[in-house]
Protein backbone atom coordinates (compact mmCIF):
# COMPACT_ATOMS: atom_id res chain seq x y z
CA MET A 1 8.61 37.40 31.84
CA LYS A 2 9.23 36.62 28.16
CA LYS A 3 10.21 33.06 29.11
CA ARG A 4 7.04 32.68 31.15
CA ILE A 5 4.83 33.95 28.27
CA LEU A 6 6.64 31.65 25.86
CA SER A 7 6.20 28.71 28.24
CA LEU A 8 2.48 29.46 28.68
CA ALA A 9 2.07 29.74 24.91
CA SER A 10 3.89 26.41 24.44
CA LEU A 11 1.76 24.76 27.13
CA SER A 12 -1.41 26.13 25.55
CA LEU A 13 -0.38 24.79 22.12
CA PHE A 14 0.51 21.38 23.64
CA ILE A 15 -2.88 21.14 25.38
CA SER A 16 -4.68 22.14 22.19
CA ILE A 17 -2.84 19.50 20.15
CA SER A 18 -3.38 16.84 22.84
CA PHE A 19 -7.14 17.40 22.96
CA SER A 20 -7.35 17.48 19.20
CA SER A 21 -5.43 14.19 18.99
CA CYS A 22 -7.68 12.56 21.57
CA ASN A 23 -10.74 13.66 19.66
CA ASP A 24 -9.38 12.17 16.42
CA LYS A 25 -8.70 8.85 18.15
CA ASP A 26 -12.25 8.76 19.51
CA LYS A 27 -13.70 9.07 16.00
CA LYS A 28 -14.57 5.77 14.38
CA GLU A 29 -12.90 5.15 11.06
CA GLU A 30 -15.43 5.08 8.29
CA SER A 31 -15.03 2.38 5.68
CA ILE A 32 -16.35 2.70 2.20
CA GLU A 33 -18.40 -0.28 1.09
CA THR A 34 -18.04 -1.26 -2.55
CA ASP A 35 -20.28 -3.52 -4.54
CA PRO A 36 -18.74 -6.85 -5.52
CA ILE A 37 -17.87 -7.19 -9.19
CA THR A 38 -20.23 -9.66 -10.81
CA PHE A 39 -19.90 -11.68 -13.99
CA THR A 40 -21.75 -10.39 -17.05
CA LYS A 41 -22.04 -12.83 -19.95
CA GLU A 42 -21.29 -11.06 -23.24
CA ALA A 43 -20.36 -13.99 -25.45
CA GLU A 44 -19.95 -17.74 -25.71
CA LEU A 45 -16.53 -19.15 -26.49
CA TYR A 46 -15.71 -22.61 -27.82
CA LEU A 47 -12.33 -24.25 -27.25
CA ILE A 48 -11.59 -26.50 -30.21
CA LYS A 49 -8.85 -29.13 -30.67
CA ALA A 50 -6.65 -28.74 -33.74
CA SER A 51 -8.47 -31.87 -35.04
CA GLY A 52 -11.79 -29.97 -34.92
CA ASP A 53 -13.39 -31.54 -31.82
CA THR A 54 -14.97 -29.14 -29.33
CA ILE A 55 -13.24 -29.31 -25.95
CA GLN A 56 -15.30 -26.89 -23.89
CA LYS A 57 -17.93 -24.14 -24.12
CA LEU A 58 -17.48 -21.07 -21.89
CA ASP A 59 -19.56 -18.03 -21.01
CA ILE A 60 -17.25 -15.05 -21.29
CA GLU A 61 -16.95 -11.37 -20.67
CA LEU A 62 -15.16 -9.28 -23.29
CA ALA A 63 -12.33 -6.81 -22.67
CA GLU A 64 -12.23 -4.58 -25.74
CA ASN A 65 -11.13 -1.09 -24.70
CA ASP A 66 -8.15 0.29 -22.78
CA TYR A 67 -9.95 0.41 -19.43
CA GLU A 68 -11.19 -3.18 -19.75
CA HIS A 69 -7.74 -4.33 -20.93
CA GLN A 70 -6.12 -2.71 -17.88
CA THR A 71 -8.58 -3.98 -15.26
CA GLY A 72 -9.49 -7.41 -16.64
CA LEU A 73 -10.38 -9.77 -13.80
CA MET A 74 -8.87 -7.60 -11.06
CA TYR A 75 -10.68 -7.51 -7.72
CA ARG A 76 -12.76 -10.63 -8.46
CA GLU A 77 -13.13 -13.00 -5.54
CA SER A 78 -14.02 -16.03 -7.68
CA MET A 79 -15.07 -17.23 -11.11
CA GLU A 80 -17.00 -20.34 -12.19
CA ASP A 81 -15.12 -22.99 -14.20
CA ASN A 82 -17.41 -22.39 -17.20
CA GLN A 83 -16.57 -18.66 -17.26
CA GLY A 84 -13.69 -16.57 -18.51
CA MET A 85 -12.66 -13.25 -19.98
CA LEU A 86 -11.51 -12.73 -23.57
CA PHE A 87 -9.24 -9.77 -24.30
CA ILE A 88 -9.62 -8.57 -27.88
CA TYR A 89 -6.97 -6.36 -29.50
CA ASP A 90 -6.91 -4.68 -32.91
CA THR A 91 -3.48 -6.05 -33.80
CA GLU A 92 -1.38 -9.11 -33.29
CA ARG A 93 1.91 -8.74 -31.34
CA ILE A 94 3.80 -10.17 -28.38
CA ARG A 95 1.53 -9.59 -25.36
CA SER A 96 2.35 -9.65 -21.67
CA PHE A 97 0.00 -9.79 -18.70
CA TYR A 98 0.52 -9.66 -14.95
CA MET A 99 -1.60 -10.43 -11.89
CA LYS A 100 -1.62 -7.13 -9.97
CA ASN A 101 -4.86 -6.87 -7.93
CA THR A 102 -6.04 -10.23 -9.28
CA TYR A 103 -7.18 -12.42 -6.39
CA ILE A 104 -7.64 -15.77 -8.13
CA PRO A 105 -5.06 -17.97 -9.92
CA LEU A 106 -5.53 -17.89 -13.68
CA ASP A 107 -4.42 -19.67 -16.83
CA ILE A 108 -3.63 -16.99 -19.42
CA ILE A 109 -4.02 -18.36 -22.93
CA TYR A 110 -2.63 -16.44 -25.90
CA TYR A 111 -4.13 -16.80 -29.40
CA GLU A 112 -2.96 -15.57 -32.81
CA ALA A 113 -5.15 -13.48 -35.12
CA ASP A 114 -6.42 -16.72 -36.75
CA SER A 115 -7.45 -17.99 -33.25
CA SER A 116 -4.67 -20.60 -33.00
CA LEU A 117 -3.27 -21.13 -29.51
CA VAL A 118 0.22 -19.62 -29.22
CA SER A 119 1.11 -20.32 -25.58
CA ILE A 120 -0.26 -20.63 -22.05
CA GLN A 121 0.89 -19.08 -18.80
CA LYS A 122 -0.42 -21.66 -16.32
CA ASN A 123 -1.58 -21.04 -12.75
CA ALA A 124 -0.49 -17.40 -12.64
CA THR A 125 0.06 -16.40 -9.02
CA PRO A 126 -2.51 -13.98 -7.58
CA ARG A 127 -1.24 -10.41 -6.97
CA ASP A 128 2.14 -11.15 -8.59
CA GLU A 129 3.43 -8.31 -10.77
CA LYS A 130 5.87 -10.49 -12.72
CA SER A 131 5.49 -10.18 -16.49
CA LEU A 132 3.81 -13.19 -18.15
CA PRO A 133 4.51 -12.84 -21.89
CA SER A 134 3.19 -14.78 -24.86
CA GLU A 135 5.66 -17.00 -26.74
CA GLY A 136 4.62 -15.45 -30.04
CA PRO A 137 2.39 -12.74 -31.49
CA ALA A 138 -1.15 -12.78 -30.05
CA GLN A 139 -4.34 -10.83 -30.75
CA PHE A 140 -6.69 -12.62 -28.33
CA ILE A 141 -6.03 -13.58 -24.72
CA LEU A 142 -8.35 -15.82 -22.72
CA GLU A 143 -8.23 -15.88 -18.92
CA ILE A 144 -9.75 -18.90 -17.15
CA ASN A 145 -9.39 -20.39 -13.68
CA GLY A 146 -5.91 -21.72 -12.98
CA GLY A 147 -5.40 -25.39 -13.81
CA LEU A 148 -8.24 -25.72 -16.32
CA SER A 149 -5.99 -25.61 -19.40
CA ASP A 150 -4.27 -28.81 -18.16
CA GLU A 151 -7.57 -30.38 -17.11
CA TRP A 152 -9.01 -29.75 -20.56
CA GLY A 153 -5.80 -30.78 -22.38
CA LEU A 154 -5.29 -27.48 -24.25
CA GLU A 155 -2.27 -27.49 -26.57
CA LYS A 156 -0.46 -25.28 -29.04
CA ASP A 157 -2.41 -24.89 -32.31
CA ASP A 158 -5.79 -25.67 -30.69
CA LYS A 159 -8.35 -23.03 -31.66
CA MET A 160 -11.02 -20.89 -30.08
CA SER A 161 -14.14 -19.31 -31.53
CA TYR A 162 -16.58 -16.90 -29.88
CA ILE A 163 -20.06 -15.58 -30.59
CA ARG A 164 -21.42 -12.40 -29.01
CA THR A 165 -24.65 -12.93 -27.09
CA GLU A 166 -25.37 -9.37 -25.92
CA GLU A 167 -26.92 -6.62 -27.99
């Protein structure tokens, strides 16, 4: 009798789990829609040859706090060639970036405190978590679409200058 009660209890539990599982499978998975991240112009940046000639003018977003430094251009689907993001730090030191959750290839350009170009990490691979360090101390880092630093002929010791446009 004990075996029969145990068997009935087991069967009852099995049936309960089976129906519950079927019900879960019948439910449609709900997806959460997120708004796309859009570009917000906060400043204009000028790329300047060491000789003083202006190479290019860009509309840029600024990354000035820890959250902005950590997220940067992550989750962006695209960026115009005349746009970029400038990371601004309080101090100059060796900096290193990576491409986790970044969907577009980027050129990562490192600048010293005096705005002189230190080094460039060209065509950084999207979603790659490999460290991409500067070749010297940097206080400013500019991210632009991959390949543009070659197209524009950017070189060590070229300069950059930016002017805030937002209030």
